[in-house]
Amino acid sequence: GADSSYADASLSFLASSTCGNSAVKVKKFFGAEPPHLLHQFLNGLGYEYLMKKFEKHKVGMMELPYLTEAQMRQMKIPAGPRMRILHEVQLLRQQQQPVQQHH
């Protein structure tokens, strides 16, 4: 019917439009993410001076949750910031997961 051809047209329009700027924005956020996300995170903890270590090892906000304490030690991140960053990442992950309410 007329409905399906309309849907097809809108789908092809969406496909063509994502080749433009919006696809770039998505890639920027998920793929090659802007470094300021991690910078904001470190800055908020007062550890912006560690940014270069993270950049050197190509660690961004996307990789942060997978970092272990041992890996951070190898990156020459001092014990204090290491513990704090690991703790903050845990908190962030808990916030992102749907919280199950216990009655």
N, C-alpha and C. Protein backbone atom coordinates (compact mmCIF):
# COMPACT_ATOMS: atom_id res chain seq x y z
N GLY A 1 0.83 -1.21 0.00
CA GLY A 1 0.00 0.00 0.00
C GLY A 1 0.85 1.24 0.00
N ALA A 2 0.22 2.35 0.12
CA ALA A 2 0.92 3.64 0.09
C ALA A 2 1.83 3.79 1.31
N ASP A 3 1.43 3.16 2.43
CA ASP A 3 2.19 3.31 3.67
C ASP A 3 3.61 2.75 3.54
N SER A 4 3.72 1.55 2.95
CA SER A 4 5.03 0.92 2.90
C SER A 4 6.00 1.69 2.01
N SER A 5 5.51 2.24 0.90
CA SER A 5 6.41 2.99 0.02
C SER A 5 6.88 4.26 0.72
N TYR A 6 6.03 4.85 1.53
CA TYR A 6 6.42 6.03 2.31
C TYR A 6 7.52 5.67 3.30
N ALA A 7 7.36 4.53 3.97
CA ALA A 7 8.36 4.08 4.94
C ALA A 7 9.70 3.84 4.24
N ASP A 8 9.65 3.21 3.07
CA ASP A 8 10.88 2.95 2.31
C ASP A 8 11.58 4.27 1.98
N ALA A 9 10.81 5.24 1.56
CA ALA A 9 11.39 6.53 1.18
C ALA A 9 12.06 7.20 2.38
N SER A 10 11.40 7.13 3.53
CA SER A 10 11.98 7.78 4.70
C SER A 10 13.23 7.05 5.17
N LEU A 11 13.26 5.72 5.02
CA LEU A 11 14.43 4.95 5.40
C LEU A 11 15.62 5.31 4.52
N SER A 12 15.38 5.40 3.20
CA SER A 12 16.48 5.73 2.30
C SER A 12 16.97 7.15 2.57
N PHE A 13 16.05 8.03 2.94
CA PHE A 13 16.45 9.40 3.30
C PHE A 13 17.35 9.38 4.53
N LEU A 14 16.97 8.59 5.53
CA LEU A 14 17.78 8.49 6.74
C LEU A 14 19.17 7.96 6.42
N ALA A 15 19.22 6.96 5.57
CA ALA A 15 20.50 6.35 5.21
C ALA A 15 21.40 7.37 4.53
N SER A 16 20.81 8.17 3.62
CA SER A 16 21.63 9.15 2.91
C SER A 16 22.06 10.28 3.84
N SER A 17 21.20 10.65 4.78
CA SER A 17 21.54 11.79 5.64
C SER A 17 22.60 11.42 6.68
N THR A 18 22.70 10.13 7.05
CA THR A 18 23.70 9.75 8.05
C THR A 18 25.10 9.75 7.46
N CYS A 19 25.21 9.85 6.12
CA CYS A 19 26.53 9.95 5.52
C CYS A 19 27.13 11.33 5.78
N GLY A 20 26.30 12.25 6.22
CA GLY A 20 26.75 13.62 6.47
C GLY A 20 27.32 13.78 7.86
N ASN A 21 27.00 14.89 8.48
CA ASN A 21 27.61 15.27 9.75
C ASN A 21 27.24 14.38 10.92
N SER A 22 26.00 13.88 10.96
CA SER A 22 25.56 13.15 12.15
C SER A 22 26.39 11.89 12.38
N ALA A 23 26.78 11.22 11.29
CA ALA A 23 27.60 10.02 11.43
C ALA A 23 28.96 10.38 12.04
N VAL A 24 29.48 11.53 11.64
CA VAL A 24 30.76 11.99 12.17
C VAL A 24 30.64 12.24 13.67
N LYS A 25 29.53 12.87 14.07
CA LYS A 25 29.33 13.16 15.49
C LYS A 25 29.26 11.88 16.31
N VAL A 26 28.56 10.89 15.78
CA VAL A 26 28.44 9.61 16.49
C VAL A 26 29.82 8.97 16.63
N LYS A 27 30.58 8.97 15.54
CA LYS A 27 31.92 8.39 15.58
C LYS A 27 32.77 9.13 16.61
N LYS A 28 32.62 10.44 16.62
CA LYS A 28 33.40 11.25 17.55
C LYS A 28 33.11 10.83 18.98
N PHE A 29 31.83 10.55 19.26
CA PHE A 29 31.45 10.24 20.63
C PHE A 29 31.82 8.82 21.01
N PHE A 30 31.60 7.87 20.10
CA PHE A 30 31.81 6.46 20.45
C PHE A 30 33.15 5.92 19.99
N GLY A 31 33.56 6.29 18.80
CA GLY A 31 34.79 5.73 18.26
C GLY A 31 35.98 6.53 18.74
N ALA A 32 36.35 7.51 17.94
CA ALA A 32 37.45 8.39 18.34
C ALA A 32 36.86 9.49 19.19
N GLU A 33 36.66 9.19 20.43
CA GLU A 33 35.96 10.12 21.31
C GLU A 33 36.76 11.38 21.58
N PRO A 34 36.09 12.48 21.84
CA PRO A 34 36.83 13.69 22.16
C PRO A 34 37.58 13.51 23.48
N PRO A 35 38.85 13.87 23.53
CA PRO A 35 39.64 13.65 24.74
C PRO A 35 39.14 14.46 25.94
N HIS A 36 38.31 15.49 25.66
CA HIS A 36 37.88 16.32 26.78
C HIS A 36 36.99 15.57 27.77
N LEU A 37 36.38 14.46 27.34
CA LEU A 37 35.57 13.67 28.28
C LEU A 37 36.44 13.14 29.41
N LEU A 38 37.54 12.52 29.03
CA LEU A 38 38.47 12.01 30.04
C LEU A 38 39.10 13.16 30.81
N HIS A 39 39.39 14.23 30.09
CA HIS A 39 40.02 15.39 30.73
C HIS A 39 39.09 15.95 31.81
N GLN A 40 37.79 16.04 31.49
CA GLN A 40 36.81 16.51 32.47
C GLN A 40 36.78 15.60 33.69
N PHE A 41 36.81 14.30 33.42
CA PHE A 41 36.78 13.31 34.50
C PHE A 41 37.99 13.48 35.41
N LEU A 42 39.19 13.52 34.80
CA LEU A 42 40.42 13.66 35.58
C LEU A 42 40.48 15.02 36.28
N ASN A 43 40.04 16.04 35.56
CA ASN A 43 40.04 17.40 36.10
C ASN A 43 39.16 17.48 37.35
N GLY A 44 38.01 16.80 37.28
CA GLY A 44 37.08 16.79 38.41
C GLY A 44 37.69 16.15 39.66
N LEU A 45 38.63 15.25 39.44
CA LEU A 45 39.31 14.57 40.56
C LEU A 45 40.59 15.30 40.95
N GLY A 46 40.96 16.30 40.15
CA GLY A 46 42.22 17.01 40.39
C GLY A 46 43.42 16.27 39.85
N TYR A 47 43.19 15.39 38.89
CA TYR A 47 44.28 14.58 38.32
C TYR A 47 44.55 14.92 36.86
N GLU A 48 44.24 16.16 36.45
CA GLU A 48 44.43 16.49 35.03
C GLU A 48 45.88 16.32 34.59
N TYR A 49 46.82 16.40 35.57
CA TYR A 49 48.24 16.22 35.24
C TYR A 49 48.55 14.79 34.76
N LEU A 50 47.63 13.86 35.00
CA LEU A 50 47.83 12.48 34.55
C LEU A 50 47.35 12.26 33.12
N MET A 51 46.72 13.29 32.54
CA MET A 51 46.14 13.16 31.20
C MET A 51 47.15 12.63 30.18
N LYS A 52 48.38 13.12 30.27
CA LYS A 52 49.40 12.71 29.29
C LYS A 52 49.69 11.21 29.36
N LYS A 53 49.65 10.67 30.57
CA LYS A 53 49.88 9.22 30.72
C LYS A 53 48.77 8.43 30.04
N PHE A 54 47.51 8.90 30.21
CA PHE A 54 46.38 8.22 29.57
C PHE A 54 46.47 8.35 28.05
N GLU A 55 46.84 9.54 27.58
CA GLU A 55 46.97 9.76 26.13
C GLU A 55 48.07 8.88 25.54
N LYS A 56 49.18 8.78 26.26
CA LYS A 56 50.32 7.98 25.79
C LYS A 56 49.90 6.53 25.59
N HIS A 57 49.04 6.04 26.47
CA HIS A 57 48.60 4.64 26.40
C HIS A 57 47.28 4.49 25.67
N LYS A 58 46.82 5.60 25.03
CA LYS A 58 45.59 5.59 24.24
C LYS A 58 44.38 5.14 25.07
N VAL A 59 44.32 5.61 26.30
CA VAL A 59 43.19 5.28 27.16
C VAL A 59 42.26 6.49 27.25
N GLY A 60 41.00 6.28 26.87
CA GLY A 60 39.99 7.32 26.98
C GLY A 60 38.88 6.87 27.92
N MET A 61 37.78 7.61 27.93
CA MET A 61 36.65 7.25 28.81
C MET A 61 36.10 5.88 28.45
N MET A 62 36.19 5.51 27.17
CA MET A 62 35.63 4.22 26.74
C MET A 62 36.47 3.05 27.29
N GLU A 63 37.77 3.28 27.44
CA GLU A 63 38.66 2.22 27.90
C GLU A 63 38.79 2.17 29.42
N LEU A 64 38.48 3.29 30.04
CA LEU A 64 38.68 3.42 31.48
C LEU A 64 38.05 2.29 32.31
N PRO A 65 36.81 1.90 32.00
CA PRO A 65 36.19 0.83 32.81
C PRO A 65 36.92 -0.50 32.75
N TYR A 66 37.74 -0.70 31.71
CA TYR A 66 38.43 -1.99 31.55
C TYR A 66 39.82 -1.99 32.17
N LEU A 67 40.25 -0.83 32.62
CA LEU A 67 41.59 -0.74 33.22
C LEU A 67 41.63 -1.44 34.56
N THR A 68 42.67 -2.22 34.77
CA THR A 68 42.85 -2.85 36.07
C THR A 68 43.88 -2.06 36.88
N GLU A 69 43.94 -2.35 38.14
CA GLU A 69 44.89 -1.68 39.03
C GLU A 69 46.32 -1.95 38.54
N ALA A 70 46.59 -3.19 38.12
CA ALA A 70 47.93 -3.56 37.65
C ALA A 70 48.31 -2.79 36.38
N GLN A 71 47.33 -2.64 35.47
CA GLN A 71 47.60 -1.90 34.24
C GLN A 71 47.90 -0.44 34.55
N MET A 72 47.17 0.13 35.52
CA MET A 72 47.41 1.51 35.88
C MET A 72 48.79 1.67 36.52
N ARG A 73 49.21 0.65 37.24
CA ARG A 73 50.55 0.67 37.84
C ARG A 73 51.60 0.68 36.72
N GLN A 74 51.36 -0.14 35.68
CA GLN A 74 52.27 -0.18 34.54
C GLN A 74 52.31 1.16 33.81
N MET A 75 51.20 1.89 33.85
CA MET A 75 51.13 3.21 33.22
C MET A 75 51.81 4.27 34.09
N LYS A 76 52.36 3.83 35.22
CA LYS A 76 53.07 4.73 36.16
C LYS A 76 52.13 5.74 36.81
N ILE A 77 50.90 5.31 37.06
CA ILE A 77 49.95 6.17 37.77
C ILE A 77 50.11 5.90 39.26
N PRO A 78 50.34 6.94 40.07
CA PRO A 78 50.60 6.75 41.50
C PRO A 78 49.44 6.06 42.22
N ALA A 79 49.76 5.43 43.34
CA ALA A 79 48.79 4.61 44.08
C ALA A 79 47.52 5.38 44.45
N GLY A 80 47.67 6.60 44.96
CA GLY A 80 46.50 7.37 45.39
C GLY A 80 45.50 7.61 44.28
N PRO A 81 45.95 8.26 43.19
CA PRO A 81 45.06 8.49 42.06
C PRO A 81 44.51 7.20 41.47
N ARG A 82 45.34 6.15 41.48
CA ARG A 82 44.94 4.86 40.94
C ARG A 82 43.70 4.34 41.66
N MET A 83 43.76 4.34 42.99
CA MET A 83 42.63 3.85 43.81
C MET A 83 41.39 4.70 43.58
N ARG A 84 41.61 6.03 43.56
CA ARG A 84 40.49 6.95 43.43
C ARG A 84 39.82 6.81 42.06
N ILE A 85 40.64 6.72 41.01
CA ILE A 85 40.10 6.59 39.66
C ILE A 85 39.30 5.29 39.52
N LEU A 86 39.86 4.20 40.04
CA LEU A 86 39.15 2.91 39.98
C LEU A 86 37.81 3.01 40.70
N HIS A 87 37.81 3.66 41.85
CA HIS A 87 36.59 3.83 42.65
C HIS A 87 35.56 4.67 41.89
N GLU A 88 36.01 5.79 41.32
CA GLU A 88 35.10 6.69 40.58
C GLU A 88 34.50 6.00 39.36
N VAL A 89 35.32 5.17 38.69
CA VAL A 89 34.83 4.44 37.53
C VAL A 89 33.73 3.46 37.94
N GLN A 90 33.94 2.81 39.10
CA GLN A 90 32.90 1.91 39.62
C GLN A 90 31.60 2.66 39.87
N LEU A 91 31.71 3.85 40.45
CA LEU A 91 30.52 4.66 40.72
C LEU A 91 29.82 5.05 39.42
N LEU A 92 30.59 5.42 38.42
CA LEU A 92 30.03 5.78 37.12
C LEU A 92 29.28 4.60 36.51
N ARG A 93 29.87 3.43 36.62
CA ARG A 93 29.24 2.23 36.05
C ARG A 93 27.94 1.92 36.77
N GLN A 94 27.93 2.11 38.08
CA GLN A 94 26.70 1.86 38.85
C GLN A 94 25.60 2.83 38.45
N GLN A 95 25.98 4.08 38.18
CA GLN A 95 25.00 5.09 37.77
C GLN A 95 24.40 4.75 36.42
N GLN A 96 25.22 4.17 35.53
CA GLN A 96 24.75 3.87 34.18
C GLN A 96 23.86 2.64 34.15
N GLN A 97 24.05 1.73 35.10
CA GLN A 97 23.22 0.53 35.13
C GLN A 97 21.90 0.86 35.81
N PRO A 98 20.81 0.27 35.28
CA PRO A 98 19.52 0.50 35.94
C PRO A 98 19.56 -0.03 37.37
N VAL A 99 19.21 0.80 38.29
CA VAL A 99 19.25 0.42 39.70
C VAL A 99 18.02 -0.41 40.05
N GLN A 100 18.25 -1.58 40.62
CA GLN A 100 17.12 -2.41 41.04
C GLN A 100 16.69 -1.95 42.42
N GLN A 101 15.42 -1.66 42.53
CA GLN A 101 14.91 -1.16 43.80
C GLN A 101 14.53 -2.33 44.71
N HIS A 102 15.02 -2.25 45.93
CA HIS A 102 14.64 -3.27 46.90
C HIS A 102 13.61 -2.68 47.83
N HIS A 103 12.46 -3.34 47.91
CA HIS A 103 11.38 -2.83 48.78
C HIS A 103 11.43 -3.51 50.13
